[in-house]
Amino acid sequence: MTVDPDELSLDALAGRWRIYQLRNGHRFSADDLLTAWAASAARPAARALLDIGAGIGSVGLLTLWRMSRDARLTMVEVQEVSHRLAHRTVAYNGLQRRVDLHHADLRSWGDGHYDLITGSPPYLPPGNGTLSRHPQKAAARFELNGDLGPSGSCRCNLIAGM
């Protein structure tokens, strides 16, 4: 998927870190900032981080920013456009040695042990709100790729440290 450079913005994320976003697509919000702050406050010594439904990377990267320099982040995102934007953001900020990105559906993604798992997946089943016409926005808010509930088919074995 190719993105027209005129559709992109490069915005402040944290400190000197910047994030690529679509001007009219899904953009990071105060929810992402609060999720990252709460996660990093709950597990300040975490070194192995996982962000599920990583989107453009805002929650995971904001969490990583608050951690020590030896912390590593794994991001899993199903939407190609969001995954590509996250890749671009990681490269721009020189974080390739600290961040692993996976373009995958979490329900069929691997196993692992992590000190901290974050996520801001879609919150609404289809039909429970107004679906955006923009595909990236729609998939970030609605469970268009399935769900992780009891009827979902998650084959993951993820463990968060205590």
C-alpha atoms as a PDB file:
ATOM      1  CA  MET A   1       0.000   0.000   0.000  1.00  0.00           C
ATOM      2  CA  THR A   2       1.440   3.357  -1.012  1.00  0.00           C
ATOM      3  CA  VAL A   3       0.664   6.506   0.935  1.00  0.00           C
ATOM      4  CA  ASP A   4       0.826   9.897  -0.752  1.00  0.00           C
ATOM      5  CA  PRO A   5       3.330  12.047   1.203  1.00  0.00           C
ATOM      6  CA  ASP A   6       0.789  14.896   1.142  1.00  0.00           C
ATOM      7  CA  GLU A   7      -1.549  12.688   3.229  1.00  0.00           C
ATOM      8  CA  LEU A   8       1.041  12.360   6.029  1.00  0.00           C
ATOM      9  CA  SER A   9       1.880  14.497   8.998  1.00  0.00           C
ATOM     10  CA  LEU A  10       4.929  14.146  11.239  1.00  0.00           C
ATOM     11  CA  ASP A  11       3.874  15.154  14.729  1.00  0.00           C
ATOM     12  CA  ALA A  12       5.416  15.419  18.197  1.00  0.00           C
ATOM     13  CA  LEU A  13       4.946  12.273  20.260  1.00  0.00           C
ATOM     14  CA  ALA A  14       7.234  12.520  23.313  1.00  0.00           C
ATOM     15  CA  GLY A  15      10.442  14.436  23.865  1.00  0.00           C
ATOM     16  CA  ARG A  16      12.227  14.472  20.510  1.00  0.00           C
ATOM     17  CA  TRP A  17      10.309  11.477  19.212  1.00  0.00           C
ATOM     18  CA  ARG A  18       7.942  12.120  16.310  1.00  0.00           C
ATOM     19  CA  ILE A  19       5.127  10.000  14.846  1.00  0.00           C
ATOM     20  CA  TYR A  20       3.853   9.625  11.294  1.00  0.00           C
ATOM     21  CA  GLN A  21       0.071   9.756  10.926  1.00  0.00           C
ATOM     22  CA  LEU A  22      -2.396  10.168   8.108  1.00  0.00           C
ATOM     23  CA  ARG A  23      -3.816  13.681   8.126  1.00  0.00           C
ATOM     24  CA  ASN A  24      -7.356  12.349   7.724  1.00  0.00           C
ATOM     25  CA  GLY A  25      -6.892   8.829   9.121  1.00  0.00           C
ATOM     26  CA  HIS A  26      -6.610   7.356  12.585  1.00  0.00           C
ATOM     27  CA  ARG A  27      -4.533   9.658  14.811  1.00  0.00           C
ATOM     28  CA  PHE A  28      -3.159   9.198  18.290  1.00  0.00           C
ATOM     29  CA  SER A  29      -5.148  10.693  21.119  1.00  0.00           C
ATOM     30  CA  ALA A  30      -5.224  11.451  24.829  1.00  0.00           C
ATOM     31  CA  ASP A  31      -6.518   7.881  25.336  1.00  0.00           C
ATOM     32  CA  ASP A  32      -3.202   6.577  23.994  1.00  0.00           C
ATOM     33  CA  LEU A  33      -1.224   8.879  26.255  1.00  0.00           C
ATOM     34  CA  LEU A  34      -3.247   7.836  29.321  1.00  0.00           C
ATOM     35  CA  THR A  35      -2.966   4.136  28.471  1.00  0.00           C
ATOM     36  CA  ALA A  36       0.823   4.424  28.120  1.00  0.00           C
ATOM     37  CA  TRP A  37       1.153   6.467  31.302  1.00  0.00           C
ATOM     38  CA  ALA A  38      -0.933   4.017  33.337  1.00  0.00           C
ATOM     39  CA  ALA A  39       0.968   1.025  31.946  1.00  0.00           C
ATOM     40  CA  SER A  40       4.402   2.505  32.589  1.00  0.00           C
ATOM     41  CA  ALA A  41       3.375   3.638  36.083  1.00  0.00           C
ATOM     42  CA  ALA A  42       2.094   0.133  36.894  1.00  0.00           C
ATOM     43  CA  ARG A  43       5.287  -1.622  35.723  1.00  0.00           C
ATOM     44  CA  PRO A  44       8.130   0.937  35.693  1.00  0.00           C
ATOM     45  CA  ALA A  45      10.843  -1.747  35.713  1.00  0.00           C
ATOM     46  CA  ALA A  46       9.433  -3.609  32.680  1.00  0.00           C
ATOM     47  CA  ARG A  47      12.008  -4.466  30.012  1.00  0.00           C
ATOM     48  CA  ALA A  48      10.044  -6.697  27.607  1.00  0.00           C
ATOM     49  CA  LEU A  49       7.018  -4.797  26.306  1.00  0.00           C
ATOM     50  CA  LEU A  50       4.276  -5.986  23.970  1.00  0.00           C
ATOM     51  CA  ASP A  51       1.723  -3.721  22.315  1.00  0.00           C
ATOM     52  CA  ILE A  52      -1.192  -5.595  20.730  1.00  0.00           C
ATOM     53  CA  GLY A  53      -3.328  -3.841  18.158  1.00  0.00           C
ATOM     54  CA  ALA A  54      -0.405  -1.430  17.960  1.00  0.00           C
ATOM     55  CA  GLY A  55      -1.876   0.735  15.208  1.00  0.00           C
ATOM     56  CA  ILE A  56       0.500   3.550  14.306  1.00  0.00           C
ATOM     57  CA  GLY A  57       2.529   2.794  17.430  1.00  0.00           C
ATOM     58  CA  SER A  58       1.503   5.563  19.790  1.00  0.00           C
ATOM     59  CA  VAL A  59       0.681   3.488  22.905  1.00  0.00           C
ATOM     60  CA  GLY A  60       3.693   1.204  22.650  1.00  0.00           C
ATOM     61  CA  LEU A  61       6.143   3.966  21.784  1.00  0.00           C
ATOM     62  CA  LEU A  62       4.866   6.296  24.493  1.00  0.00           C
ATOM     63  CA  THR A  63       5.239   3.449  26.985  1.00  0.00           C
ATOM     64  CA  LEU A  64       8.744   2.667  25.721  1.00  0.00           C
ATOM     65  CA  TRP A  65       9.697   6.332  25.987  1.00  0.00           C
ATOM     66  CA  ARG A  66       8.999   6.239  29.736  1.00  0.00           C
ATOM     67  CA  MET A  67      11.071   3.077  30.304  1.00  0.00           C
ATOM     68  CA  SER A  68      14.820   2.545  30.717  1.00  0.00           C
ATOM     69  CA  ARG A  69      17.009   2.526  27.617  1.00  0.00           C
ATOM     70  CA  ASP A  70      17.387  -1.262  27.752  1.00  0.00           C
ATOM     71  CA  ALA A  71      13.637  -1.880  27.395  1.00  0.00           C
ATOM     72  CA  ARG A  72      12.462  -3.461  24.140  1.00  0.00           C
ATOM     73  CA  LEU A  73       9.062  -3.225  22.488  1.00  0.00           C
ATOM     74  CA  THR A  74       7.282  -5.742  20.278  1.00  0.00           C
ATOM     75  CA  MET A  75       4.357  -4.349  18.267  1.00  0.00           C
ATOM     76  CA  VAL A  76       1.679  -6.446  16.531  1.00  0.00           C
ATOM     77  CA  GLU A  77      -0.714  -4.765  14.076  1.00  0.00           C
ATOM     78  CA  VAL A  78      -3.081  -6.241  11.489  1.00  0.00           C
ATOM     79  CA  GLN A  79      -3.753  -3.130   9.356  1.00  0.00           C
ATOM     80  CA  GLU A  80      -1.133  -2.711   6.638  1.00  0.00           C
ATOM     81  CA  VAL A  81      -1.339   1.087   6.492  1.00  0.00           C
ATOM     82  CA  SER A  82      -0.934   1.477  10.259  1.00  0.00           C
ATOM     83  CA  HIS A  83       1.898  -1.071  10.334  1.00  0.00           C
ATOM     84  CA  ARG A  84       3.755   0.819   7.581  1.00  0.00           C
ATOM     85  CA  LEU A  85       3.316   4.123   9.405  1.00  0.00           C
ATOM     86  CA  ALA A  86       4.677   2.538  12.596  1.00  0.00           C
ATOM     87  CA  HIS A  87       7.685   1.223  10.653  1.00  0.00           C
ATOM     88  CA  ARG A  88       8.328   4.688   9.285  1.00  0.00           C
ATOM     89  CA  THR A  89       8.049   6.221  12.765  1.00  0.00           C
ATOM     90  CA  VAL A  90      10.446   3.678  14.286  1.00  0.00           C
ATOM     91  CA  ALA A  91      13.011   4.333  11.529  1.00  0.00           C
ATOM     92  CA  TYR A  92      12.654   8.118  11.785  1.00  0.00           C
ATOM     93  CA  ASN A  93      13.341   7.994  15.526  1.00  0.00           C
ATOM     94  CA  GLY A  94      16.229   5.515  15.195  1.00  0.00           C
ATOM     95  CA  LEU A  95      14.505   2.881  17.331  1.00  0.00           C
ATOM     96  CA  GLN A  96      15.117  -0.177  15.139  1.00  0.00           C
ATOM     97  CA  ARG A  97      17.287  -1.841  17.829  1.00  0.00           C
ATOM     98  CA  ARG A  98      14.616  -1.385  20.500  1.00  0.00           C
ATOM     99  CA  VAL A  99      11.430  -2.143  18.538  1.00  0.00           C
ATOM    100  CA  ASP A 100      10.272  -5.271  16.679  1.00  0.00           C
ATOM    101  CA  LEU A 101       7.272  -4.777  14.409  1.00  0.00           C
ATOM    102  CA  HIS A 102       4.988  -7.571  13.242  1.00  0.00           C
ATOM    103  CA  HIS A 103       2.316  -7.172  10.576  1.00  0.00           C
ATOM    104  CA  ALA A 104       0.045  -9.930  11.845  1.00  0.00           C
ATOM    105  CA  ASP A 105      -3.344 -10.788  13.233  1.00  0.00           C
ATOM    106  CA  LEU A 106      -2.912 -11.285  16.965  1.00  0.00           C
ATOM    107  CA  ARG A 107      -5.240 -14.279  16.888  1.00  0.00           C
ATOM    108  CA  SER A 108      -2.669 -16.222  14.860  1.00  0.00           C
ATOM    109  CA  TRP A 109       0.467 -14.582  16.199  1.00  0.00           C
ATOM    110  CA  GLY A 110       3.027 -16.323  18.394  1.00  0.00           C
ATOM    111  CA  ASP A 111       3.743 -16.818  22.020  1.00  0.00           C
ATOM    112  CA  GLY A 112       5.959 -15.019  24.443  1.00  0.00           C
ATOM    113  CA  HIS A 113       6.684 -13.763  27.908  1.00  0.00           C
ATOM    114  CA  TYR A 114       6.465 -10.036  28.484  1.00  0.00           C
ATOM    115  CA  ASP A 115       6.854  -7.848  31.530  1.00  0.00           C
ATOM    116  CA  LEU A 116       4.115  -5.525  30.290  1.00  0.00           C
ATOM    117  CA  ILE A 117       1.377  -5.918  27.677  1.00  0.00           C
ATOM    118  CA  THR A 118      -0.498  -2.885  26.401  1.00  0.00           C
ATOM    119  CA  GLY A 119      -3.248  -2.548  23.854  1.00  0.00           C
ATOM    120  CA  SER A 120      -5.949  -0.303  22.614  1.00  0.00           C
ATOM    121  CA  PRO A 121      -7.848  -2.613  20.286  1.00  0.00           C
ATOM    122  CA  PRO A 122     -11.141  -1.781  18.628  1.00  0.00           C
ATOM    123  CA  TYR A 123     -13.809  -1.348  21.245  1.00  0.00           C
ATOM    124  CA  LEU A 124     -17.076  -1.828  19.379  1.00  0.00           C
ATOM    125  CA  PRO A 125     -18.682  -4.727  17.567  1.00  0.00           C
ATOM    126  CA  PRO A 126     -19.908  -3.767  14.079  1.00  0.00           C
ATOM    127  CA  GLY A 127     -23.401  -2.295  14.234  1.00  0.00           C
ATOM    128  CA  ASN A 128     -22.867  -0.624  17.622  1.00  0.00           C
ATOM    129  CA  GLY A 129     -22.035   2.811  16.276  1.00  0.00           C
ATOM    130  CA  THR A 130     -21.386   4.803  13.145  1.00  0.00           C
ATOM    131  CA  LEU A 131     -18.708   3.213  11.000  1.00  0.00           C
ATOM    132  CA  SER A 132     -16.220   5.712   9.564  1.00  0.00           C
ATOM    133  CA  ARG A 133     -15.860   5.791   5.801  1.00  0.00           C
ATOM    134  CA  HIS A 134     -12.089   5.909   6.259  1.00  0.00           C
ATOM    135  CA  PRO A 135     -10.958   2.251   6.464  1.00  0.00           C
ATOM    136  CA  GLN A 136      -8.086   2.922   8.894  1.00  0.00           C
ATOM    137  CA  LYS A 137     -10.350   4.825  11.290  1.00  0.00           C
ATOM    138  CA  ALA A 138     -13.095   2.206  11.030  1.00  0.00           C
ATOM    139  CA  ALA A 139     -10.771  -0.713  11.824  1.00  0.00           C
ATOM    140  CA  ALA A 140      -9.222   1.166  14.760  1.00  0.00           C
ATOM    141  CA  ARG A 141     -12.628   1.602  16.428  1.00  0.00           C
ATOM    142  CA  PHE A 142     -14.658  -1.434  15.360  1.00  0.00           C
ATOM    143  CA  GLU A 143     -13.908  -5.173  15.534  1.00  0.00           C
ATOM    144  CA  LEU A 144     -13.728  -5.590  11.759  1.00  0.00           C
ATOM    145  CA  ASN A 145     -11.003  -8.244  11.926  1.00  0.00           C
ATOM    146  CA  GLY A 146     -12.682 -10.411  14.569  1.00  0.00           C
ATOM    147  CA  ASP A 147     -12.498 -10.281  18.342  1.00  0.00           C
ATOM    148  CA  LEU A 148     -10.551 -11.810  21.210  1.00  0.00           C
ATOM    149  CA  GLY A 149     -13.581 -12.707  23.308  1.00  0.00           C
ATOM    150  CA  PRO A 150     -14.682 -16.253  24.156  1.00  0.00           C
ATOM    151  CA  SER A 151     -16.021 -16.750  20.631  1.00  0.00           C
ATOM    152  CA  GLY A 152     -12.825 -15.373  19.043  1.00  0.00           C
ATOM    153  CA  SER A 153     -10.160 -17.749  17.802  1.00  0.00           C
ATOM    154  CA  CYS A 154      -7.025 -16.463  19.545  1.00  0.00           C
ATOM    155  CA  ARG A 155      -4.319 -19.116  19.533  1.00  0.00           C
ATOM    156  CA  CYS A 156      -1.832 -16.976  21.473  1.00  0.00           C
ATOM    157  CA  ASN A 157      -0.064 -17.888  24.653  1.00  0.00           C
ATOM    158  CA  LEU A 158       1.011 -14.514  25.977  1.00  0.00           C
ATOM    159  CA  ILE A 159       2.151 -14.163  29.555  1.00  0.00           C
ATOM    160  CA  ALA A 160       2.560 -10.890  31.420  1.00  0.00           C
ATOM    161  CA  GLY A 161       5.023 -10.920  34.293  1.00  0.00           C
ATOM    162  CA  MET A 162       3.850 -10.064  37.776  1.00  0.00           C
END
